[in-house]
Amino acid sequence: MRYFKRYWDDVRGDAHNDWGTSTWYFEADADMIVTRQIEIYAGGTVLHYDRQHIEDEFGGLAEKPLDPDDFAPFGIEQSEFEQVWSSRKPFNR
């Protein structure tokens, strides 16, 4: 598995724009298919997605593989991903 953290300086473009900008964490397999995803918004909202909770009214797990070239600079350690996954209570669960 590979792990990534990426900041987006854009709002959602929907009814939840007030959540603000976001930082996204991804766990991806060898083919860069996302298996777990965390979205943390500046306003405090946290969303979790995985194979057991693929989508809901707020969004969903990435449908396409991540581009390895685009995401190479954003790699993180598994321990960082796991710490965020276990410590940030998701709004959508």
PDB file of N, CA and C in Angstrom:
ATOM      1  N   MET A   1       0.842  -1.183   0.000  1.00  0.00           N
ATOM      2  CA  MET A   1       0.000   0.000   0.000  1.00  0.00           C
ATOM      3  C   MET A   1       0.889   1.248   0.000  1.00  0.00           C
ATOM      4  N   ARG A   2       0.324   2.292  -0.580  1.00  0.00           N
ATOM      5  CA  ARG A   2       0.996   3.598  -0.602  1.00  0.00           C
ATOM      6  C   ARG A   2       0.060   4.617   0.023  1.00  0.00           C
ATOM      7  N   TYR A   3       0.639   5.670   0.604  1.00  0.00           N
ATOM      8  CA  TYR A   3      -0.141   6.650   1.354  1.00  0.00           C
ATOM      9  C   TYR A   3       0.231   8.059   0.908  1.00  0.00           C
ATOM     10  N   PHE A   4      -0.793   8.914   0.850  1.00  0.00           N
ATOM     11  CA  PHE A   4      -0.602  10.270   0.355  1.00  0.00           C
ATOM     12  C   PHE A   4      -1.425  11.261   1.168  1.00  0.00           C
ATOM     13  N   LYS A   5      -0.923  12.486   1.215  1.00  0.00           N
ATOM     14  CA  LYS A   5      -1.631  13.604   1.847  1.00  0.00           C
ATOM     15  C   LYS A   5      -1.550  14.775   0.878  1.00  0.00           C
ATOM     16  N   ARG A   6      -2.719  15.325   0.553  1.00  0.00           N
ATOM     17  CA  ARG A   6      -2.736  16.410  -0.430  1.00  0.00           C
ATOM     18  C   ARG A   6      -3.727  17.488  -0.009  1.00  0.00           C
ATOM     19  N   TYR A   7      -3.274  18.724  -0.065  1.00  0.00           N
ATOM     20  CA  TYR A   7      -4.097  19.884   0.294  1.00  0.00           C
ATOM     21  C   TYR A   7      -4.749  20.450  -0.963  1.00  0.00           C
ATOM     22  N   TRP A   8      -6.034  20.790  -0.861  1.00  0.00           N
ATOM     23  CA  TRP A   8      -6.739  21.466  -1.944  1.00  0.00           C
ATOM     24  C   TRP A   8      -7.171  22.845  -1.478  1.00  0.00           C
ATOM     25  N   ASP A   9      -6.764  23.852  -2.210  1.00  0.00           N
ATOM     26  CA  ASP A   9      -7.050  25.243  -1.874  1.00  0.00           C
ATOM     27  C   ASP A   9      -8.342  25.711  -2.554  1.00  0.00           C
ATOM     28  N   ASP A  10      -9.286  24.814  -2.718  1.00  0.00           N
ATOM     29  CA  ASP A  10     -10.580  25.124  -3.318  1.00  0.00           C
ATOM     30  C   ASP A  10     -11.677  24.628  -2.382  1.00  0.00           C
ATOM     31  N   VAL A  11     -12.820  25.278  -2.451  1.00  0.00           N
ATOM     32  CA  VAL A  11     -13.985  24.782  -1.721  1.00  0.00           C
ATOM     33  C   VAL A  11     -14.687  23.752  -2.588  1.00  0.00           C
ATOM     34  N   ARG A  12     -15.673  23.090  -2.042  1.00  0.00           N
ATOM     35  CA  ARG A  12     -16.333  21.968  -2.714  1.00  0.00           C
ATOM     36  C   ARG A  12     -17.122  22.354  -3.956  1.00  0.00           C
ATOM     37  N   GLY A  13     -17.652  23.566  -4.002  1.00  0.00           N
ATOM     38  CA  GLY A  13     -18.479  23.964  -5.133  1.00  0.00           C
ATOM     39  C   GLY A  13     -19.898  23.441  -5.028  1.00  0.00           C
ATOM     40  N   ASP A  14     -20.346  23.189  -3.801  1.00  0.00           N
ATOM     41  CA  ASP A  14     -21.710  22.708  -3.587  1.00  0.00           C
ATOM     42  C   ASP A  14     -22.294  23.380  -2.341  1.00  0.00           C
ATOM     43  N   ALA A  15     -23.332  22.813  -1.802  1.00  0.00           N
ATOM     44  CA  ALA A  15     -24.011  23.395  -0.638  1.00  0.00           C
ATOM     45  C   ALA A  15     -23.133  23.421   0.610  1.00  0.00           C
ATOM     46  N   HIS A  16     -21.990  22.748   0.561  1.00  0.00           N
ATOM     47  CA  HIS A  16     -21.099  22.675   1.721  1.00  0.00           C
ATOM     48  C   HIS A  16     -19.828  23.510   1.551  1.00  0.00           C
ATOM     49  N   ASN A  17     -19.904  24.554   0.750  1.00  0.00           N
ATOM     50  CA  ASN A  17     -18.755  25.446   0.565  1.00  0.00           C
ATOM     51  C   ASN A  17     -18.260  26.010   1.884  1.00  0.00           C
ATOM     52  N   ASP A  18     -19.166  26.163   2.848  1.00  0.00           N
ATOM     53  CA  ASP A  18     -18.782  26.734   4.134  1.00  0.00           C
ATOM     54  C   ASP A  18     -17.851  25.816   4.929  1.00  0.00           C
ATOM     55  N   TRP A  19     -17.667  24.572   4.496  1.00  0.00           N
ATOM     56  CA  TRP A  19     -16.692  23.698   5.134  1.00  0.00           C
ATOM     57  C   TRP A  19     -15.268  24.180   4.872  1.00  0.00           C
ATOM     58  N   GLY A  20     -15.066  24.931   3.804  1.00  0.00           N
ATOM     59  CA  GLY A  20     -13.762  25.505   3.495  1.00  0.00           C
ATOM     60  C   GLY A  20     -12.870  24.611   2.646  1.00  0.00           C
ATOM     61  N   THR A  21     -11.606  24.947   2.626  1.00  0.00           N
ATOM     62  CA  THR A  21     -10.607  24.172   1.883  1.00  0.00           C
ATOM     63  C   THR A  21     -10.416  22.821   2.575  1.00  0.00           C
ATOM     64  N   SER A  22      -9.619  21.947   1.971  1.00  0.00           N
ATOM     65  CA  SER A  22      -9.525  20.600   2.542  1.00  0.00           C
ATOM     66  C   SER A  22      -8.147  19.966   2.347  1.00  0.00           C
ATOM     67  N   THR A  23      -7.870  19.023   3.235  1.00  0.00           N
ATOM     68  CA  THR A  23      -6.705  18.159   3.119  1.00  0.00           C
ATOM     69  C   THR A  23      -7.225  16.742   2.978  1.00  0.00           C
ATOM     70  N   TRP A  24      -6.735  16.041   1.977  1.00  0.00           N
ATOM     71  CA  TRP A  24      -7.194  14.682   1.678  1.00  0.00           C
ATOM     72  C   TRP A  24      -6.055  13.705   1.921  1.00  0.00           C
ATOM     73  N   TYR A  25      -6.390  12.586   2.509  1.00  0.00           N
ATOM     74  CA  TYR A  25      -5.455  11.488   2.741  1.00  0.00           C
ATOM     75  C   TYR A  25      -5.949  10.287   1.947  1.00  0.00           C
ATOM     76  N   PHE A  26      -5.021   9.589   1.311  1.00  0.00           N
ATOM     77  CA  PHE A  26      -5.376   8.429   0.500  1.00  0.00           C
ATOM     78  C   PHE A  26      -4.510   7.233   0.866  1.00  0.00           C
ATOM     79  N   GLU A  27      -5.137   6.060   0.901  1.00  0.00           N
ATOM     80  CA  GLU A  27      -4.436   4.785   0.934  1.00  0.00           C
ATOM     81  C   GLU A  27      -4.710   4.147  -0.419  1.00  0.00           C
ATOM     82  N   ALA A  28      -3.665   3.764  -1.145  1.00  0.00           N
ATOM     83  CA  ALA A  28      -3.831   3.207  -2.483  1.00  0.00           C
ATOM     84  C   ALA A  28      -3.038   1.910  -2.608  1.00  0.00           C
ATOM     85  N   ASP A  29      -3.587   0.985  -3.385  1.00  0.00           N
ATOM     86  CA  ASP A  29      -2.898  -0.287  -3.603  1.00  0.00           C
ATOM     87  C   ASP A  29      -1.812  -0.126  -4.669  1.00  0.00           C
ATOM     88  N   ALA A  30      -1.202  -1.229  -5.061  1.00  0.00           N
ATOM     89  CA  ALA A  30      -0.086  -1.188  -6.020  1.00  0.00           C
ATOM     90  C   ALA A  30      -0.499  -0.598  -7.363  1.00  0.00           C
ATOM     91  N   ASP A  31      -1.788  -0.698  -7.713  1.00  0.00           N
ATOM     92  CA  ASP A  31      -2.288  -0.137  -8.965  1.00  0.00           C
ATOM     93  C   ASP A  31      -2.810   1.290  -8.792  1.00  0.00           C
ATOM     94  N   MET A  32      -2.551   1.872  -7.625  1.00  0.00           N
ATOM     95  CA  MET A  32      -2.965   3.248  -7.273  1.00  0.00           C
ATOM     96  C   MET A  32      -4.483   3.396  -7.173  1.00  0.00           C
ATOM     97  N   ILE A  33      -5.177   2.287  -6.939  1.00  0.00           N
ATOM     98  CA  ILE A  33      -6.616   2.334  -6.677  1.00  0.00           C
ATOM     99  C   ILE A  33      -6.811   2.648  -5.202  1.00  0.00           C
ATOM    100  N   VAL A  34      -7.608   3.664  -4.919  1.00  0.00           N
ATOM    101  CA  VAL A  34      -7.813   4.118  -3.544  1.00  0.00           C
ATOM    102  C   VAL A  34      -8.667   3.113  -2.786  1.00  0.00           C
ATOM    103  N   THR A  35      -8.172   2.693  -1.620  1.00  0.00           N
ATOM    104  CA  THR A  35      -8.906   1.750  -0.780  1.00  0.00           C
ATOM    105  C   THR A  35      -9.491   2.428   0.460  1.00  0.00           C
ATOM    106  N   ARG A  36      -8.857   3.500   0.908  1.00  0.00           N
ATOM    107  CA  ARG A  36      -9.398   4.314   2.007  1.00  0.00           C
ATOM    108  C   ARG A  36      -9.068   5.770   1.724  1.00  0.00           C
ATOM    109  N   GLN A  37      -9.956   6.649   2.183  1.00  0.00           N
ATOM    110  CA  GLN A  37      -9.809   8.084   1.894  1.00  0.00           C
ATOM    111  C   GLN A  37     -10.360   8.877   3.073  1.00  0.00           C
ATOM    112  N   ILE A  38      -9.647   9.926   3.439  1.00  0.00           N
ATOM    113  CA  ILE A  38     -10.067  10.842   4.497  1.00  0.00           C
ATOM    114  C   ILE A  38     -10.074  12.245   3.914  1.00  0.00           C
ATOM    115  N   GLU A  39     -11.129  12.992   4.192  1.00  0.00           N
ATOM    116  CA  GLU A  39     -11.205  14.398   3.800  1.00  0.00           C
ATOM    117  C   GLU A  39     -11.372  15.216   5.074  1.00  0.00           C
ATOM    118  N   ILE A  40     -10.475  16.164   5.298  1.00  0.00           N
ATOM    119  CA  ILE A  40     -10.554  17.020   6.474  1.00  0.00           C
ATOM    120  C   ILE A  40     -10.691  18.458   5.989  1.00  0.00           C
ATOM    121  N   TYR A  41     -11.807  19.069   6.342  1.00  0.00           N
ATOM    122  CA  TYR A  41     -12.109  20.425   5.891  1.00  0.00           C
ATOM    123  C   TYR A  41     -11.701  21.445   6.939  1.00  0.00           C
ATOM    124  N   ALA A  42     -11.332  22.638   6.474  1.00  0.00           N
ATOM    125  CA  ALA A  42     -10.860  23.712   7.357  1.00  0.00           C
ATOM    126  C   ALA A  42     -11.859  24.033   8.460  1.00  0.00           C
ATOM    127  N   GLY A  43     -13.149  23.888   8.185  1.00  0.00           N
ATOM    128  CA  GLY A  43     -14.178  24.161   9.183  1.00  0.00           C
ATOM    129  C   GLY A  43     -14.352  23.065  10.219  1.00  0.00           C
ATOM    130  N   GLY A  44     -13.615  21.950  10.075  1.00  0.00           N
ATOM    131  CA  GLY A  44     -13.657  20.880  11.061  1.00  0.00           C
ATOM    132  C   GLY A  44     -14.372  19.613  10.628  1.00  0.00           C
ATOM    133  N   THR A  45     -15.103  19.638   9.535  1.00  0.00           N
ATOM    134  CA  THR A  45     -15.799  18.442   9.064  1.00  0.00           C
ATOM    135  C   THR A  45     -14.792  17.410   8.555  1.00  0.00           C
ATOM    136  N   VAL A  46     -15.002  16.157   8.929  1.00  0.00           N
ATOM    137  CA  VAL A  46     -14.149  15.046   8.496  1.00  0.00           C
ATOM    138  C   VAL A  46     -15.038  13.991   7.847  1.00  0.00           C
ATOM    139  N   LEU A  47     -14.621  13.499   6.684  1.00  0.00           N
ATOM    140  CA  LEU A  47     -15.325  12.435   5.979  1.00  0.00           C
ATOM    141  C   LEU A  47     -14.375  11.260   5.777  1.00  0.00           C
ATOM    142  N   HIS A  48     -14.884  10.045   5.978  1.00  0.00           N
ATOM    143  CA  HIS A  48     -14.112   8.820   5.734  1.00  0.00           C
ATOM    144  C   HIS A  48     -14.834   7.992   4.677  1.00  0.00           C
ATOM    145  N   TYR A  49     -14.068   7.398   3.774  1.00  0.00           N
ATOM    146  CA  TYR A  49     -14.606   6.458   2.796  1.00  0.00           C
ATOM    147  C   TYR A  49     -13.679   5.257   2.703  1.00  0.00           C
ATOM    148  N   ASP A  50     -14.282   4.084   2.489  1.00  0.00           N
ATOM    149  CA  ASP A  50     -13.530   2.855   2.270  1.00  0.00           C
ATOM    150  C   ASP A  50     -14.434   1.876   1.529  1.00  0.00           C
ATOM    151  N   ARG A  51     -14.005   0.635   1.388  1.00  0.00           N
ATOM    152  CA  ARG A  51     -14.789  -0.351   0.634  1.00  0.00           C
ATOM    153  C   ARG A  51     -16.124  -0.692   1.313  1.00  0.00           C
ATOM    154  N   GLN A  52     -16.237  -0.461   2.620  1.00  0.00           N
ATOM    155  CA  GLN A  52     -17.488  -0.708   3.317  1.00  0.00           C
ATOM    156  C   GLN A  52     -18.423   0.501   3.270  1.00  0.00           C
ATOM    157  N   HIS A  53     -17.891   1.655   2.974  1.00  0.00           N
ATOM    158  CA  HIS A  53     -18.678   2.902   2.891  1.00  0.00           C
ATOM    159  C   HIS A  53     -18.140   3.684   1.689  1.00  0.00           C
ATOM    160  N   ILE A  54     -18.596   3.291   0.507  1.00  0.00           N
ATOM    161  CA  ILE A  54     -18.035   3.817  -0.736  1.00  0.00           C
ATOM    162  C   ILE A  54     -18.516   5.226  -1.047  1.00  0.00           C
ATOM    163  N   GLU A  55     -19.795   5.507  -0.769  1.00  0.00           N
ATOM    164  CA  GLU A  55     -20.300   6.840  -1.084  1.00  0.00           C
ATOM    165  C   GLU A  55     -21.495   7.173  -0.213  1.00  0.00           C
ATOM    166  N   ASP A  56     -21.801   8.458  -0.174  1.00  0.00           N
ATOM    167  CA  ASP A  56     -22.963   8.960   0.542  1.00  0.00           C
ATOM    168  C   ASP A  56     -23.335  10.310  -0.048  1.00  0.00           C
ATOM    169  N   GLU A  57     -24.204  11.041   0.615  1.00  0.00           N
ATOM    170  CA  GLU A  57     -24.666  12.317   0.073  1.00  0.00           C
ATOM    171  C   GLU A  57     -23.584  13.404   0.037  1.00  0.00           C
ATOM    172  N   PHE A  58     -22.428  13.170   0.659  1.00  0.00           N
ATOM    173  CA  PHE A  58     -21.355  14.164   0.689  1.00  0.00           C
ATOM    174  C   PHE A  58     -20.265  13.907  -0.341  1.00  0.00           C
ATOM    175  N   GLY A  59     -20.212  12.685  -0.859  1.00  0.00           N
ATOM    176  CA  GLY A  59     -19.169  12.347  -1.821  1.00  0.00           C
ATOM    177  C   GLY A  59     -18.906  10.863  -1.823  1.00  0.00           C
ATOM    178  N   GLY A  60     -17.659  10.501  -2.107  1.00  0.00           N
ATOM    179  CA  GLY A  60     -17.348   9.085  -2.145  1.00  0.00           C
ATOM    180  C   GLY A  60     -15.880   8.811  -2.376  1.00  0.00           C
ATOM    181  N   LEU A  61     -15.555   7.543  -2.289  1.00  0.00           N
ATOM    182  CA  LEU A  61     -14.214   7.049  -2.528  1.00  0.00           C
ATOM    183  C   LEU A  61     -13.815   7.356  -3.971  1.00  0.00           C
ATOM    184  N   ALA A  62     -12.569   7.757  -4.177  1.00  0.00           N
ATOM    185  CA  ALA A  62     -12.081   8.055  -5.532  1.00  0.00           C
ATOM    186  C   ALA A  62     -12.413   6.904  -6.473  1.00  0.00           C
ATOM    187  N   GLU A  63     -12.979   7.229  -7.622  1.00  0.00           N
ATOM    188  CA  GLU A  63     -13.408   6.212  -8.583  1.00  0.00           C
ATOM    189  C   GLU A  63     -12.297   5.781  -9.535  1.00  0.00           C
ATOM    190  N   LYS A  64     -11.340   6.656  -9.769  1.00  0.00           N
ATOM    191  CA  LYS A  64     -10.252   6.363 -10.700  1.00  0.00           C
ATOM    192  C   LYS A  64      -8.948   6.213  -9.931  1.00  0.00           C
ATOM    193  N   PRO A  65      -8.014   5.435 -10.457  1.00  0.00           N
ATOM    194  CA  PRO A  65      -6.704   5.332  -9.803  1.00  0.00           C
ATOM    195  C   PRO A  65      -6.019   6.694  -9.747  1.00  0.00           C
ATOM    196  N   LEU A  66      -5.228   6.886  -8.712  1.00  0.00           N
ATOM    197  CA  LEU A  66      -4.427   8.110  -8.606  1.00  0.00           C
ATOM    198  C   LEU A  66      -3.311   8.059  -9.643  1.00  0.00           C
ATOM    199  N   ASP A  67      -2.935   9.222 -10.141  1.00  0.00           N
ATOM    200  CA  ASP A  67      -1.823   9.314 -11.085  1.00  0.00           C
ATOM    201  C   ASP A  67      -0.523   9.276 -10.281  1.00  0.00           C
ATOM    202  N   PRO A  68       0.307   8.252 -10.477  1.00  0.00           N
ATOM    203  CA  PRO A  68       1.528   8.136  -9.672  1.00  0.00           C
ATOM    204  C   PRO A  68       2.478   9.318  -9.829  1.00  0.00           C
ATOM    205  N   ASP A  69       2.534   9.916 -10.999  1.00  0.00           N
ATOM    206  CA  ASP A  69       3.411  11.067 -11.201  1.00  0.00           C
ATOM    207  C   ASP A  69       2.894  12.293 -10.455  1.00  0.00           C
ATOM    208  N   ASP A  70       1.582  12.519 -10.516  1.00  0.00           N
ATOM    209  CA  ASP A  70       0.986  13.659  -9.818  1.00  0.00           C
ATOM    210  C   ASP A  70       1.104  13.526  -8.304  1.00  0.00           C
ATOM    211  N   PHE A  71       0.990  12.308  -7.800  1.00  0.00           N
ATOM    212  CA  PHE A  71       0.949  12.112  -6.348  1.00  0.00           C
ATOM    213  C   PHE A  71       2.304  11.806  -5.723  1.00  0.00           C
ATOM    214  N   ALA A  72       3.326  11.569  -6.512  1.00  0.00           N
ATOM    215  CA  ALA A  72       4.653  11.235  -5.976  1.00  0.00           C
ATOM    216  C   ALA A  72       5.148  12.229  -4.925  1.00  0.00           C
ATOM    217  N   PRO A  73       4.981  13.537  -5.125  1.00  0.00           N
ATOM    218  CA  PRO A  73       5.489  14.478  -4.113  1.00  0.00           C
ATOM    219  C   PRO A  73       4.681  14.499  -2.815  1.00  0.00           C
ATOM    220  N   PHE A  74       3.549  13.801  -2.775  1.00  0.00           N
ATOM    221  CA  PHE A  74       2.655  13.888  -1.621  1.00  0.00           C
ATOM    222  C   PHE A  74       2.644  12.623  -0.773  1.00  0.00           C
ATOM    223  N   GLY A  75       3.628  11.765  -0.962  1.00  0.00           N
ATOM    224  CA  GLY A  75       3.698  10.524  -0.193  1.00  0.00           C
ATOM    225  C   GLY A  75       3.927  10.776   1.289  1.00  0.00           C
ATOM    226  N   ILE A  76       3.289   9.963   2.110  1.00  0.00           N
ATOM    227  CA  ILE A  76       3.458  10.012   3.563  1.00  0.00           C
ATOM    228  C   ILE A  76       3.651   8.583   4.062  1.00  0.00           C
ATOM    229  N   GLU A  77       3.982   8.451   5.330  1.00  0.00           N
ATOM    230  CA  GLU A  77       4.136   7.134   5.948  1.00  0.00           C
ATOM    231  C   GLU A  77       2.770   6.568   6.326  1.00  0.00           C
ATOM    232  N   GLN A  78       2.679   5.253   6.347  1.00  0.00           N
ATOM    233  CA  GLN A  78       1.445   4.582   6.761  1.00  0.00           C
ATOM    234  C   GLN A  78       1.037   5.023   8.153  1.00  0.00           C
ATOM    235  N   SER A  79       1.988   5.211   9.048  1.00  0.00           N
ATOM    236  CA  SER A  79       1.678   5.587  10.429  1.00  0.00           C
ATOM    237  C   SER A  79       0.933   6.915  10.502  1.00  0.00           C
ATOM    238  N   GLU A  80       1.276   7.870   9.641  1.00  0.00           N
ATOM    239  CA  GLU A  80       0.568   9.150   9.631  1.00  0.00           C
ATOM    240  C   GLU A  80      -0.879   8.953   9.187  1.00  0.00           C
ATOM    241  N   PHE A  81      -1.072   8.174   8.131  1.00  0.00           N
ATOM    242  CA  PHE A  81      -2.422   7.902   7.657  1.00  0.00           C
ATOM    243  C   PHE A  81      -3.242   7.217   8.753  1.00  0.00           C
ATOM    244  N   GLU A  82      -2.695   6.183   9.358  1.00  0.00           N
ATOM    245  CA  GLU A  82      -3.423   5.419  10.375  1.00  0.00           C
ATOM    246  C   GLU A  82      -3.769   6.285  11.584  1.00  0.00           C
ATOM    247  N   GLN A  83      -2.862   7.175  11.949  1.00  0.00           N
ATOM    248  CA  GLN A  83      -3.124   8.058  13.090  1.00  0.00           C
ATOM    249  C   GLN A  83      -4.310   8.962  12.797  1.00  0.00           C
ATOM    250  N   VAL A  84      -4.366   9.518  11.599  1.00  0.00           N
ATOM    251  CA  VAL A  84      -5.481  10.394  11.224  1.00  0.00           C
ATOM    252  C   VAL A  84      -6.764   9.577  11.110  1.00  0.00           C
ATOM    253  N   TRP A  85      -6.705   8.411  10.487  1.00  0.00           N
ATOM    254  CA  TRP A  85      -7.882   7.559  10.311  1.00  0.00           C
ATOM    255  C   TRP A  85      -8.505   7.211  11.672  1.00  0.00           C
ATOM    256  N   SER A  86      -7.672   6.882  12.641  1.00  0.00           N
ATOM    257  CA  SER A  86      -8.193   6.426  13.937  1.00  0.00           C
ATOM    258  C   SER A  86      -8.533   7.560  14.894  1.00  0.00           C
ATOM    259  N   SER A  87      -7.985   8.741  14.675  1.00  0.00           N
ATOM    260  CA  SER A  87      -8.188   9.820  15.654  1.00  0.00           C
ATOM    261  C   SER A  87      -9.213  10.870  15.231  1.00  0.00           C
ATOM    262  N   ARG A  88      -9.581  10.926  13.981  1.00  0.00           N
ATOM    263  CA  ARG A  88     -10.513  11.942  13.488  1.00  0.00           C
ATOM    264  C   ARG A  88     -11.882  11.322  13.259  1.00  0.00           C
ATOM    265  N   LYS A  89     -12.844  11.664  14.106  1.00  0.00           N
ATOM    266  CA  LYS A  89     -14.187  11.099  14.012  1.00  0.00           C
ATOM    267  C   LYS A  89     -14.889  11.632  12.773  1.00  0.00           C
ATOM    268  N   PRO A  90     -15.319  10.723  11.885  1.00  0.00           N
ATOM    269  CA  PRO A  90     -15.968  11.162  10.650  1.00  0.00           C
ATOM    270  C   PRO A  90     -17.415  11.619  10.862  1.00  0.00           C
ATOM    271  N   PHE A  91     -17.775  12.668  10.168  1.00  0.00           N
ATOM    272  CA  PHE A  91     -19.126  13.233  10.167  1.00  0.00           C
ATOM    273  C   PHE A  91     -20.107  12.311   9.451  1.00  0.00           C
ATOM    274  N   ASN A  92     -19.626  11.535   8.499  1.00  0.00           N
ATOM    275  CA  ASN A  92     -20.488  10.718   7.639  1.00  0.00           C
ATOM    276  C   ASN A  92     -20.580   9.256   8.057  1.00  0.00           C
ATOM    277  N   ARG A  93     -20.292   8.947   9.288  1.00  0.00           N
ATOM    278  CA  ARG A  93     -20.412   7.560   9.770  1.00  0.00           C
ATOM    279  C   ARG A  93     -21.260   7.491  11.022  1.00  0.00           C
TER     280      ARG A  93
END
